[in-house]
């Protein structure tokens, strides 16, 4: 399993945890913006996967310099 993928999953889980624990004290606009950003990210992920971009290969290859 590639390290960037593991870091991404850990970061996402931590961010989701922080969002869930602080959502009750956040302003409604902040919650709406956070949900919108997460929704856009999920939509982009699904769109890339649907058109055939191999996300596993994208994370495992290091570009040459």
PDB file of N, CA and C in Angstrom:
ATOM      1  N   UNK A   1       0.860  -1.172   0.000  1.00  0.00           N
ATOM      2  CA  UNK A   1       0.000   0.000   0.000  1.00  0.00           C
ATOM      3  C   UNK A   1       0.909   1.238   0.000  1.00  0.00           C
ATOM      4  N   UNK A   2       0.658   2.177  -0.909  1.00  0.00           N
ATOM      5  CA  UNK A   2       1.529   3.351  -0.996  1.00  0.00           C
ATOM      6  C   UNK A   2       1.347   4.297   0.201  1.00  0.00           C
ATOM      7  N   UNK A   3       2.451   4.893   0.600  1.00  0.00           N
ATOM      8  CA  UNK A   3       2.448   5.799   1.755  1.00  0.00           C
ATOM      9  C   UNK A   3       1.520   7.010   1.565  1.00  0.00           C
ATOM     10  N   UNK A   4       1.477   7.650   0.375  1.00  0.00           N
ATOM     11  CA  UNK A   4       0.551   8.783   0.223  1.00  0.00           C
ATOM     12  C   UNK A   4      -0.907   8.400   0.438  1.00  0.00           C
ATOM     13  N   UNK A   5      -1.280   7.186   0.023  1.00  0.00           N
ATOM     14  CA  UNK A   5      -2.657   6.744   0.230  1.00  0.00           C
ATOM     15  C   UNK A   5      -2.957   6.558   1.713  1.00  0.00           C
ATOM     16  N   UNK A   6      -2.015   5.992   2.433  1.00  0.00           N
ATOM     17  CA  UNK A   6      -2.192   5.794   3.881  1.00  0.00           C
ATOM     18  C   UNK A   6      -2.295   7.145   4.583  1.00  0.00           C
ATOM     19  N   UNK A   7      -1.433   8.064   4.214  1.00  0.00           N
ATOM     20  CA  UNK A   7      -1.483   9.411   4.806  1.00  0.00           C
ATOM     21  C   UNK A   7      -2.798  10.096   4.481  1.00  0.00           C
ATOM     22  N   UNK A   8      -3.284   9.915   3.282  1.00  0.00           N
ATOM     23  CA  UNK A   8      -4.558  10.508   2.895  1.00  0.00           C
ATOM     24  C   UNK A   8      -5.717   9.960   3.696  1.00  0.00           C
ATOM     25  N   UNK A   9      -5.736   8.657   3.902  1.00  0.00           N
ATOM     26  CA  UNK A   9      -6.811   8.040   4.678  1.00  0.00           C
ATOM     27  C   UNK A   9      -6.746   8.494   6.134  1.00  0.00           C
ATOM     28  N   UNK A  10      -5.561   8.534   6.696  1.00  0.00           N
ATOM     29  CA  UNK A  10      -5.407   8.983   8.086  1.00  0.00           C
ATOM     30  C   UNK A  10      -5.817  10.451   8.223  1.00  0.00           C
ATOM     31  N   UNK A  11      -5.373  11.280   7.283  1.00  0.00           N
ATOM     32  CA  UNK A  11      -5.739  12.695   7.319  1.00  0.00           C
ATOM     33  C   UNK A  11      -7.234  12.914   7.155  1.00  0.00           C
ATOM     34  N   UNK A  12      -7.846  12.146   6.260  1.00  0.00           N
ATOM     35  CA  UNK A  12      -9.286  12.263   6.059  1.00  0.00           C
ATOM     36  C   UNK A  12     -10.046  11.859   7.317  1.00  0.00           C
ATOM     37  N   UNK A  13      -9.635  10.741   7.930  1.00  0.00           N
ATOM     38  CA  UNK A  13     -10.301  10.275   9.146  1.00  0.00           C
ATOM     39  C   UNK A  13     -10.155  11.288  10.275  1.00  0.00           C
ATOM     40  N   UNK A  14      -8.956  11.856  10.421  1.00  0.00           N
ATOM     41  CA  UNK A  14      -8.729  12.862  11.462  1.00  0.00           C
ATOM     42  C   UNK A  14      -9.567  14.118  11.203  1.00  0.00           C
ATOM     43  N   UNK A  15      -9.601  14.563   9.950  1.00  0.00           N
ATOM     44  CA  UNK A  15     -10.403  15.731   9.607  1.00  0.00           C
ATOM     45  C   UNK A  15     -11.885  15.499   9.832  1.00  0.00           C
ATOM     46  N   UNK A  16     -12.357  14.311   9.472  1.00  0.00           N
ATOM     47  CA  UNK A  16     -13.765  13.981   9.681  1.00  0.00           C
ATOM     48  C   UNK A  16     -14.092  13.928  11.168  1.00  0.00           C
ATOM     49  N   UNK A  17     -13.163  13.386  11.956  1.00  0.00           N
ATOM     50  CA  UNK A  17     -13.351  13.357  13.409  1.00  0.00           C
ATOM     51  C   UNK A  17     -13.439  14.774  13.981  1.00  0.00           C
ATOM     52  N   UNK A  18     -12.509  15.637  13.583  1.00  0.00           N
ATOM     53  CA  UNK A  18     -12.540  17.023  14.068  1.00  0.00           C
ATOM     54  C   UNK A  18     -13.805  17.738  13.637  1.00  0.00           C
ATOM     55  N   UNK A  19     -14.221  17.505  12.403  1.00  0.00           N
ATOM     56  CA  UNK A  19     -15.444  18.128  11.912  1.00  0.00           C
ATOM     57  C   UNK A  19     -16.644  17.661  12.727  1.00  0.00           C
ATOM     58  N   UNK A  20     -16.723  16.353  12.981  1.00  0.00           N
ATOM     59  CA  UNK A  20     -17.870  15.812  13.714  1.00  0.00           C
ATOM     60  C   UNK A  20     -17.906  16.302  15.158  1.00  0.00           C
ATOM     61  N   UNK A  21     -16.741  16.435  15.792  1.00  0.00           N
ATOM     62  CA  UNK A  21     -16.735  16.861  17.190  1.00  0.00           C
ATOM     63  C   UNK A  21     -16.981  18.358  17.351  1.00  0.00           C
ATOM     64  N   UNK A  22     -16.629  19.152  16.332  1.00  0.00           N
ATOM     65  CA  UNK A  22     -16.776  20.603  16.451  1.00  0.00           C
ATOM     66  C   UNK A  22     -17.969  21.161  15.696  1.00  0.00           C
ATOM     67  N   UNK A  23     -18.739  20.320  15.028  1.00  0.00           N
ATOM     68  CA  UNK A  23     -19.850  20.805  14.213  1.00  0.00           C
ATOM     69  C   UNK A  23     -20.920  21.499  15.050  1.00  0.00           C
ATOM     70  N   UNK A  24     -21.088  21.081  16.283  1.00  0.00           N
ATOM     71  CA  UNK A  24     -22.141  21.675  17.108  1.00  0.00           C
ATOM     72  C   UNK A  24     -21.804  23.103  17.538  1.00  0.00           C
ATOM     73  N   UNK A  25     -20.525  23.476  17.573  1.00  0.00           N
ATOM     74  CA  UNK A  25     -20.164  24.826  17.992  1.00  0.00           C
ATOM     75  C   UNK A  25     -19.800  25.725  16.807  1.00  0.00           C
ATOM     76  N   UNK A  26     -19.800  25.152  15.592  1.00  0.00           N
ATOM     77  CA  UNK A  26     -19.463  25.930  14.402  1.00  0.00           C
ATOM     78  C   UNK A  26     -20.701  26.682  13.908  1.00  0.00           C
ATOM     79  N   UNK A  27     -20.466  27.779  13.223  1.00  0.00           N
ATOM     80  CA  UNK A  27     -21.557  28.531  12.625  1.00  0.00           C
ATOM     81  C   UNK A  27     -22.154  27.710  11.482  1.00  0.00           C
ATOM     82  N   UNK A  28     -23.440  27.844  11.216  1.00  0.00           N
ATOM     83  CA  UNK A  28     -24.077  27.071  10.143  1.00  0.00           C
ATOM     84  C   UNK A  28     -23.418  27.286   8.772  1.00  0.00           C
ATOM     85  N   UNK A  29     -22.944  28.490   8.501  1.00  0.00           N
ATOM     86  CA  UNK A  29     -22.284  28.744   7.223  1.00  0.00           C
ATOM     87  C   UNK A  29     -20.981  27.960   7.115  1.00  0.00           C
ATOM     88  N   UNK A  30     -20.230  27.855   8.208  1.00  0.00           N
ATOM     89  CA  UNK A  30     -18.991  27.077   8.209  1.00  0.00           C
ATOM     90  C   UNK A  30     -19.259  25.598   7.925  1.00  0.00           C
ATOM     91  N   UNK A  31     -20.314  25.068   8.534  1.00  0.00           N
ATOM     92  CA  UNK A  31     -20.672  23.669   8.310  1.00  0.00           C
ATOM     93  C   UNK A  31     -21.078  23.466   6.854  1.00  0.00           C
ATOM     94  N   UNK A  32     -21.861  24.392   6.306  1.00  0.00           N
ATOM     95  CA  UNK A  32     -22.304  24.272   4.920  1.00  0.00           C
ATOM     96  C   UNK A  32     -21.126  24.331   3.949  1.00  0.00           C
ATOM     97  N   UNK A  33     -20.190  25.213   4.188  1.00  0.00           N
ATOM     98  CA  UNK A  33     -19.015  25.326   3.314  1.00  0.00           C
ATOM     99  C   UNK A  33     -18.160  24.060   3.409  1.00  0.00           C
ATOM    100  N   UNK A  34     -17.979  23.538   4.594  1.00  0.00           N
ATOM    101  CA  UNK A  34     -17.200  22.308   4.767  1.00  0.00           C
ATOM    102  C   UNK A  34     -17.864  21.139   4.036  1.00  0.00           C
ATOM    103  N   UNK A  35     -19.162  21.018   4.151  1.00  0.00           N
ATOM    104  CA  UNK A  35     -19.886  19.954   3.451  1.00  0.00           C
ATOM    105  C   UNK A  35     -19.793  20.137   1.942  1.00  0.00           C
ATOM    106  N   UNK A  36     -19.850  21.367   1.475  1.00  0.00           N
ATOM    107  CA  UNK A  36     -19.740  21.642   0.048  1.00  0.00           C
ATOM    108  C   UNK A  36     -18.368  21.233  -0.482  1.00  0.00           C
ATOM    109  N   UNK A  37     -17.319  21.570   0.235  1.00  0.00           N
ATOM    110  CA  UNK A  37     -15.963  21.220  -0.191  1.00  0.00           C
ATOM    111  C   UNK A  37     -15.786  19.700  -0.219  1.00  0.00           C
ATOM    112  N   UNK A  38     -16.266  19.001   0.810  1.00  0.00           N
ATOM    113  CA  UNK A  38     -16.169  17.544   0.827  1.00  0.00           C
ATOM    114  C   UNK A  38     -16.977  16.926  -0.305  1.00  0.00           C
ATOM    115  N   UNK A  39     -18.122  17.491  -0.611  1.00  0.00           N
ATOM    116  CA  UNK A  39     -18.947  17.000  -1.717  1.00  0.00           C
ATOM    117  C   UNK A  39     -18.275  17.187  -3.065  1.00  0.00           C
ATOM    118  N   UNK A  40     -17.618  18.328  -3.258  1.00  0.00           N
ATOM    119  CA  UNK A  40     -16.896  18.583  -4.508  1.00  0.00           C
ATOM    120  C   UNK A  40     -15.740  17.602  -4.654  1.00  0.00           C
ATOM    121  N   UNK A  41     -15.019  17.353  -3.570  1.00  0.00           N
ATOM    122  CA  UNK A  41     -13.905  16.400  -3.618  1.00  0.00           C
ATOM    123  C   UNK A  41     -14.396  14.998  -3.963  1.00  0.00           C
ATOM    124  N   UNK A  42     -15.495  14.582  -3.381  1.00  0.00           N
ATOM    125  CA  UNK A  42     -16.044  13.257  -3.672  1.00  0.00           C
ATOM    126  C   UNK A  42     -16.501  13.168  -5.123  1.00  0.00           C
ATOM    127  N   UNK A  43     -17.113  14.221  -5.623  1.00  0.00           N
ATOM    128  CA  UNK A  43     -17.563  14.248  -7.011  1.00  0.00           C
ATOM    129  C   UNK A  43     -16.381  14.162  -7.970  1.00  0.00           C
ATOM    130  N   UNK A  44     -15.319  14.906  -7.698  1.00  0.00           N
ATOM    131  CA  UNK A  44     -14.128  14.849  -8.548  1.00  0.00           C
ATOM    132  C   UNK A  44     -13.482  13.470  -8.511  1.00  0.00           C
ATOM    133  N   UNK A  45     -13.438  12.855  -7.344  1.00  0.00           N
ATOM    134  CA  UNK A  45     -12.865  11.514  -7.222  1.00  0.00           C
ATOM    135  C   UNK A  45     -13.646  10.524  -8.074  1.00  0.00           C
ATOM    136  N   UNK A  46     -14.976  10.565  -7.958  1.00  0.00           N
ATOM    137  CA  UNK A  46     -15.807   9.644  -8.734  1.00  0.00           C
ATOM    138  C   UNK A  46     -15.713   9.914 -10.223  1.00  0.00           C
ATOM    139  N   UNK A  47     -15.637  11.176 -10.605  1.00  0.00           N
ATOM    140  CA  UNK A  47     -15.534  11.511 -12.026  1.00  0.00           C
ATOM    141  C   UNK A  47     -14.223  11.007 -12.604  1.00  0.00           C
ATOM    142  N   UNK A  48     -13.135  11.164 -11.886  1.00  0.00           N
ATOM    143  CA  UNK A  48     -11.837  10.674 -12.360  1.00  0.00           C
ATOM    144  C   UNK A  48     -11.834   9.156 -12.478  1.00  0.00           C
ATOM    145  N   UNK A  49     -12.451   8.510 -11.517  1.00  0.00           N
ATOM    146  CA  UNK A  49     -12.514   7.054 -11.546  1.00  0.00           C
ATOM    147  C   UNK A  49     -13.389   6.583 -12.707  1.00  0.00           C
ATOM    148  N   UNK A  50     -14.464   7.301 -12.984  1.00  0.00           N
ATOM    149  CA  UNK A  50     -15.395   6.911 -14.045  1.00  0.00           C
ATOM    150  C   UNK A  50     -14.768   7.058 -15.435  1.00  0.00           C
ATOM    151  N   UNK A  51     -13.948   8.101 -15.642  1.00  0.00           N
ATOM    152  CA  UNK A  51     -13.365   8.303 -16.969  1.00  0.00           C
ATOM    153  C   UNK A  51     -12.109   7.469 -17.177  1.00  0.00           C
ATOM    154  N   UNK A  52     -11.705   6.729 -16.161  1.00  0.00           N
ATOM    155  CA  UNK A  52     -10.635   5.767 -16.346  1.00  0.00           C
ATOM    156  C   UNK A  52      -9.270   6.180 -15.852  1.00  0.00           C
ATOM    157  N   UNK A  53      -9.163   7.233 -15.086  1.00  0.00           N
ATOM    158  CA  UNK A  53      -7.871   7.603 -14.526  1.00  0.00           C
ATOM    159  C   UNK A  53      -7.575   6.652 -13.374  1.00  0.00           C
ATOM    160  N   UNK A  54      -6.485   5.923 -13.493  1.00  0.00           N
ATOM    161  CA  UNK A  54      -6.108   4.952 -12.470  1.00  0.00           C
ATOM    162  C   UNK A  54      -5.479   5.680 -11.292  1.00  0.00           C
ATOM    163  N   UNK A  55      -6.258   5.841 -10.233  1.00  0.00           N
ATOM    164  CA  UNK A  55      -5.794   6.608  -9.084  1.00  0.00           C
ATOM    165  C   UNK A  55      -4.702   5.871  -8.314  1.00  0.00           C
ATOM    166  N   UNK A  56      -4.705   4.546  -8.352  1.00  0.00           N
ATOM    167  CA  UNK A  56      -3.663   3.785  -7.656  1.00  0.00           C
ATOM    168  C   UNK A  56      -2.313   4.043  -8.316  1.00  0.00           C
ATOM    169  N   UNK A  57      -2.272   4.021  -9.642  1.00  0.00           N
ATOM    170  CA  UNK A  57      -1.030   4.286 -10.359  1.00  0.00           C
ATOM    171  C   UNK A  57      -0.589   5.723 -10.151  1.00  0.00           C
ATOM    172  N   UNK A  58      -1.538   6.616 -10.095  1.00  0.00           N
ATOM    173  CA  UNK A  58      -1.236   8.034  -9.908  1.00  0.00           C
ATOM    174  C   UNK A  58      -0.499   8.273  -8.599  1.00  0.00           C
ATOM    175  N   UNK A  59      -0.869   7.517  -7.561  1.00  0.00           N
ATOM    176  CA  UNK A  59      -0.253   7.701  -6.244  1.00  0.00           C
ATOM    177  C   UNK A  59       1.052   6.924  -6.078  1.00  0.00           C
ATOM    178  N   UNK A  60       1.259   5.895  -6.896  1.00  0.00           N
ATOM    179  CA  UNK A  60       2.453   5.074  -6.690  1.00  0.00           C
ATOM    180  C   UNK A  60       3.648   5.533  -7.517  1.00  0.00           C
ATOM    181  N   UNK A  61       3.418   6.266  -8.589  1.00  0.00           N
ATOM    182  CA  UNK A  61       4.534   6.696  -9.449  1.00  0.00           C
ATOM    183  C   UNK A  61       5.049   8.053  -9.013  1.00  0.00           C
ATOM    184  N   UNK A  62       6.354   8.174  -8.997  1.00  0.00           N
ATOM    185  CA  UNK A  62       6.999   9.447  -8.676  1.00  0.00           C
ATOM    186  C   UNK A  62       7.491  10.040  -9.988  1.00  0.00           C
ATOM    187  N   UNK A  63       7.075  11.265 -10.309  1.00  0.00           N
ATOM    188  CA  UNK A  63       7.522  11.849 -11.589  1.00  0.00           C
ATOM    189  C   UNK A  63       9.036  12.093 -11.609  1.00  0.00           C
ATOM    190  N   UNK A  64       9.611  11.978 -12.777  1.00  0.00           N
ATOM    191  CA  UNK A  64      11.054  12.229 -12.904  1.00  0.00           C
ATOM    192  C   UNK A  64      11.334  13.720 -12.894  1.00  0.00           C
ATOM    193  N   UNK A  65      12.519  14.073 -12.491  1.00  0.00           N
ATOM    194  CA  UNK A  65      12.874  15.481 -12.441  1.00  0.00           C
ATOM    195  C   UNK A  65      13.860  15.829 -13.538  1.00  0.00           C
TER     196      UNK A  65
END
